[in-house]
Amino acid sequence: MNFVGIGPQELIVILVVALIFVGPQRLPKLAADLARMIREIRRYTGGIAAEFNEAIKDFEKDTEPERTQWKEIGQGLGDATRAADEVAQGVQADAAGAPKPAESSANGASAQAPQNRAAPEPAPATEDRP
């Protein structure tokens, strides 16, 4: 049992110290006042939390059209990114000499014979001498 990080031994020590300083006659009244104060704090914080949740709901309701628009924009950007990735993969496949997926037949064999492409020869280096 931990109450705000206080174990049973610490709680007993606190009660004994309170009994010594407050006295046995006023200790029950002090405990009742403390319990009432804790209830009021809980009620107050509960009210604040309810108001905060209501404000968040109102904000979400007010911004629904904008959020929907941003979702559509995000989906459009995602679709455009996927299309660009497919084009880039097609260009890489062409550059590597690999057949495109559309060039393959149903059984997985290539519909065209692979082309042997030779790497271009580098241009001769020219040296400028003074």
C-alpha atoms as a PDB file:
ATOM      1  CA  MET A   1       0.000   0.000   0.000  1.00  0.00           C
ATOM      2  CA  ASN A   2       1.547   3.262  -1.155  1.00  0.00           C
ATOM      3  CA  PHE A   3      -0.183   6.574  -0.812  1.00  0.00           C
ATOM      4  CA  VAL A   4       1.680   9.235  -2.813  1.00  0.00           C
ATOM      5  CA  GLY A   5       4.908   7.304  -2.392  1.00  0.00           C
ATOM      6  CA  ILE A   6       4.420   6.860   1.369  1.00  0.00           C
ATOM      7  CA  GLY A   7       4.557   3.320   2.697  1.00  0.00           C
ATOM      8  CA  PRO A   8       2.856   1.942   5.807  1.00  0.00           C
ATOM      9  CA  GLN A   9       5.825   2.619   8.108  1.00  0.00           C
ATOM     10  CA  GLU A  10       6.083   6.266   7.051  1.00  0.00           C
ATOM     11  CA  LEU A  11       2.322   6.702   7.469  1.00  0.00           C
ATOM     12  CA  ILE A  12       2.476   5.393  11.042  1.00  0.00           C
ATOM     13  CA  VAL A  13       5.327   7.799  11.845  1.00  0.00           C
ATOM     14  CA  ILE A  14       3.351  10.723  10.408  1.00  0.00           C
ATOM     15  CA  LEU A  15       0.258   9.762  12.451  1.00  0.00           C
ATOM     16  CA  VAL A  16       2.287   9.510  15.660  1.00  0.00           C
ATOM     17  CA  VAL A  17       3.920  12.912  15.054  1.00  0.00           C
ATOM     18  CA  ALA A  18       0.503  14.432  14.250  1.00  0.00           C
ATOM     19  CA  LEU A  19      -0.937  12.905  17.449  1.00  0.00           C
ATOM     20  CA  ILE A  20       1.885  14.423  19.480  1.00  0.00           C
ATOM     21  CA  PHE A  21       1.677  17.928  17.969  1.00  0.00           C
ATOM     22  CA  VAL A  22      -2.085  18.211  17.431  1.00  0.00           C
ATOM     23  CA  GLY A  23      -3.301  16.212  20.398  1.00  0.00           C
ATOM     24  CA  PRO A  24      -5.821  13.406  20.655  1.00  0.00           C
ATOM     25  CA  GLN A  25      -8.813  15.742  20.958  1.00  0.00           C
ATOM     26  CA  ARG A  26      -8.218  17.691  17.698  1.00  0.00           C
ATOM     27  CA  LEU A  27      -6.812  14.834  15.571  1.00  0.00           C
ATOM     28  CA  PRO A  28     -10.235  13.502  14.402  1.00  0.00           C
ATOM     29  CA  LYS A  29     -11.325  17.028  13.388  1.00  0.00           C
ATOM     30  CA  LEU A  30      -8.024  17.533  11.518  1.00  0.00           C
ATOM     31  CA  ALA A  31      -8.496  14.203   9.684  1.00  0.00           C
ATOM     32  CA  ALA A  32     -12.064  15.157   8.712  1.00  0.00           C
ATOM     33  CA  ASP A  33     -10.915  18.575   7.465  1.00  0.00           C
ATOM     34  CA  LEU A  34      -8.142  16.942   5.469  1.00  0.00           C
ATOM     35  CA  ALA A  35     -10.583  14.418   3.915  1.00  0.00           C
ATOM     36  CA  ARG A  36     -13.001  17.245   3.009  1.00  0.00           C
ATOM     37  CA  MET A  37     -10.192  19.236   1.415  1.00  0.00           C
ATOM     38  CA  ILE A  38      -9.091  16.215  -0.649  1.00  0.00           C
ATOM     39  CA  ARG A  39     -12.697  15.693  -1.852  1.00  0.00           C
ATOM     40  CA  GLU A  40     -12.974  19.341  -2.892  1.00  0.00           C
ATOM     41  CA  ILE A  41      -9.669  19.169  -4.768  1.00  0.00           C
ATOM     42  CA  ARG A  42     -10.816  16.023  -6.610  1.00  0.00           C
ATOM     43  CA  ARG A  43     -14.153  17.647  -7.499  1.00  0.00           C
ATOM     44  CA  TYR A  44     -12.384  20.792  -8.717  1.00  0.00           C
ATOM     45  CA  THR A  45      -9.848  18.887 -10.827  1.00  0.00           C
ATOM     46  CA  GLY A  46     -12.637  16.678 -12.202  1.00  0.00           C
ATOM     47  CA  GLY A  47     -14.507  19.813 -13.303  1.00  0.00           C
ATOM     48  CA  ILE A  48     -11.404  21.197 -14.956  1.00  0.00           C
ATOM     49  CA  ALA A  49     -10.822  17.902 -16.775  1.00  0.00           C
ATOM     50  CA  ALA A  50     -14.438  17.856 -18.005  1.00  0.00           C
ATOM     51  CA  GLU A  51     -14.140  21.447 -19.287  1.00  0.00           C
ATOM     52  CA  PHE A  52     -10.861  20.604 -21.007  1.00  0.00           C
ATOM     53  CA  ASN A  53     -12.364  17.535 -22.706  1.00  0.00           C
ATOM     54  CA  GLU A  54     -15.357  19.607 -23.850  1.00  0.00           C
ATOM     55  CA  ALA A  55     -13.038  22.268 -25.290  1.00  0.00           C
ATOM     56  CA  ILE A  56     -11.079  19.583 -27.170  1.00  0.00           C
ATOM     57  CA  LYS A  57     -14.315  18.129 -28.603  1.00  0.00           C
ATOM     58  CA  ASP A  58     -15.438  21.607 -29.705  1.00  0.00           C
ATOM     59  CA  PHE A  59     -12.063  22.251 -31.318  1.00  0.00           C
ATOM     60  CA  GLU A  60     -12.169  18.922 -33.165  1.00  0.00           C
ATOM     61  CA  LYS A  61     -15.713  19.684 -34.348  1.00  0.00           C
ATOM     62  CA  ASP A  62     -14.703  23.164 -35.548  1.00  0.00           C
ATOM     63  CA  THR A  63     -11.622  21.913 -37.402  1.00  0.00           C
ATOM     64  CA  GLU A  64     -13.197  18.816 -39.001  1.00  0.00           C
ATOM     65  CA  PRO A  65     -13.375  20.324 -42.535  1.00  0.00           C
ATOM     66  CA  GLU A  66      -9.727  21.386 -42.431  1.00  0.00           C
ATOM     67  CA  ARG A  67      -8.623  18.025 -41.066  1.00  0.00           C
ATOM     68  CA  THR A  68     -10.562  16.252 -43.821  1.00  0.00           C
ATOM     69  CA  GLN A  69      -8.934  18.495 -46.418  1.00  0.00           C
ATOM     70  CA  TRP A  70      -5.457  17.794 -45.019  1.00  0.00           C
ATOM     71  CA  LYS A  71      -6.173  14.054 -45.041  1.00  0.00           C
ATOM     72  CA  GLU A  72      -7.122  14.277 -48.718  1.00  0.00           C
ATOM     73  CA  ILE A  73      -3.965  16.256 -49.466  1.00  0.00           C
ATOM     74  CA  GLY A  74      -1.899  13.645 -47.611  1.00  0.00           C
ATOM     75  CA  GLN A  75      -3.519  10.830 -49.570  1.00  0.00           C
ATOM     76  CA  GLY A  76      -2.866  12.676 -52.846  1.00  0.00           C
ATOM     77  CA  LEU A  77       0.770  13.174 -51.899  1.00  0.00           C
ATOM     78  CA  GLY A  78       1.062   9.500 -50.959  1.00  0.00           C
ATOM     79  CA  ASP A  79      -0.412   8.447 -54.314  1.00  0.00           C
ATOM     80  CA  ALA A  80       1.940  10.800 -56.179  1.00  0.00           C
ATOM     81  CA  THR A  81       4.915   9.469 -54.224  1.00  0.00           C
ATOM     82  CA  ARG A  82       3.991   5.870 -55.042  1.00  0.00           C
ATOM     83  CA  ALA A  83       3.611   6.751 -58.731  1.00  0.00           C
ATOM     84  CA  ALA A  84       7.002   8.497 -58.732  1.00  0.00           C
ATOM     85  CA  ASP A  85       8.575   5.455 -57.040  1.00  0.00           C
ATOM     86  CA  GLU A  86       7.121   3.166 -59.709  1.00  0.00           C
ATOM     87  CA  VAL A  87       8.472   5.404 -62.478  1.00  0.00           C
ATOM     88  CA  ALA A  88      11.888   5.530 -60.805  1.00  0.00           C
ATOM     89  CA  GLN A  89      11.954   1.740 -60.476  1.00  0.00           C
ATOM     90  CA  GLY A  90      11.027   1.439 -64.154  1.00  0.00           C
ATOM     91  CA  VAL A  91      13.863   3.793 -65.129  1.00  0.00           C
ATOM     92  CA  GLN A  92      16.301   1.818 -62.978  1.00  0.00           C
ATOM     93  CA  ALA A  93      15.123  -1.418 -64.567  1.00  0.00           C
ATOM     94  CA  ASP A  94      15.617   0.069 -68.054  1.00  0.00           C
ATOM     95  CA  ALA A  95      19.081   1.313 -67.147  1.00  0.00           C
ATOM     96  CA  ALA A  96      20.069  -2.092 -65.789  1.00  0.00           C
ATOM     97  CA  GLY A  97      18.734  -3.856 -68.873  1.00  0.00           C
ATOM     98  CA  ALA A  98      16.203  -5.854 -66.923  1.00  0.00           C
ATOM     99  CA  PRO A  99      12.798  -6.428 -68.500  1.00  0.00           C
ATOM    100  CA  LYS A 100       9.883  -4.394 -67.201  1.00  0.00           C
ATOM    101  CA  PRO A 101       7.065  -6.255 -65.460  1.00  0.00           C
ATOM    102  CA  ALA A 102       4.764  -5.435 -68.422  1.00  0.00           C
ATOM    103  CA  GLU A 103       7.212  -7.179 -70.788  1.00  0.00           C
ATOM    104  CA  SER A 104       6.952 -10.489 -68.937  1.00  0.00           C
ATOM    105  CA  SER A 105       4.541 -13.158 -70.107  1.00  0.00           C
ATOM    106  CA  ALA A 106       2.129 -14.987 -67.818  1.00  0.00           C
ATOM    107  CA  ASN A 107       4.555 -17.867 -67.172  1.00  0.00           C
ATOM    108  CA  GLY A 108       7.263 -15.508 -65.992  1.00  0.00           C
ATOM    109  CA  ALA A 109       9.517 -15.819 -69.067  1.00  0.00           C
ATOM    110  CA  SER A 110      10.674 -12.683 -70.818  1.00  0.00           C
ATOM    111  CA  ALA A 111       8.672 -11.738 -73.919  1.00  0.00           C
ATOM    112  CA  GLN A 112      11.761 -10.143 -75.461  1.00  0.00           C
ATOM    113  CA  ALA A 113      15.296 -11.358 -75.641  1.00  0.00           C
ATOM    114  CA  PRO A 114      17.545  -9.420 -73.296  1.00  0.00           C
ATOM    115  CA  GLN A 115      19.604  -6.779 -75.022  1.00  0.00           C
ATOM    116  CA  ASN A 116      23.340  -6.747 -74.549  1.00  0.00           C
ATOM    117  CA  ARG A 117      24.272  -3.216 -73.872  1.00  0.00           C
ATOM    118  CA  ALA A 118      27.879  -2.241 -73.815  1.00  0.00           C
ATOM    119  CA  ALA A 119      28.960   0.445 -71.448  1.00  0.00           C
ATOM    120  CA  PRO A 120      29.828   3.654 -73.259  1.00  0.00           C
ATOM    121  CA  GLU A 121      33.533   4.226 -73.682  1.00  0.00           C
ATOM    122  CA  PRO A 122      34.907   7.205 -71.802  1.00  0.00           C
ATOM    123  CA  ALA A 123      35.961  10.192 -73.885  1.00  0.00           C
ATOM    124  CA  PRO A 124      39.715  10.639 -74.227  1.00  0.00           C
ATOM    125  CA  ALA A 125      41.158  13.023 -71.722  1.00  0.00           C
ATOM    126  CA  THR A 126      42.582  16.215 -73.093  1.00  0.00           C
ATOM    127  CA  GLU A 127      45.432  17.859 -71.387  1.00  0.00           C
ATOM    128  CA  ASP A 128      46.101  21.548 -71.609  1.00  0.00           C
ATOM    129  CA  ARG A 129      49.803  22.260 -71.416  1.00  0.00           C
ATOM    130  CA  PRO A 130      51.226  25.758 -71.344  1.00  0.00           C
END
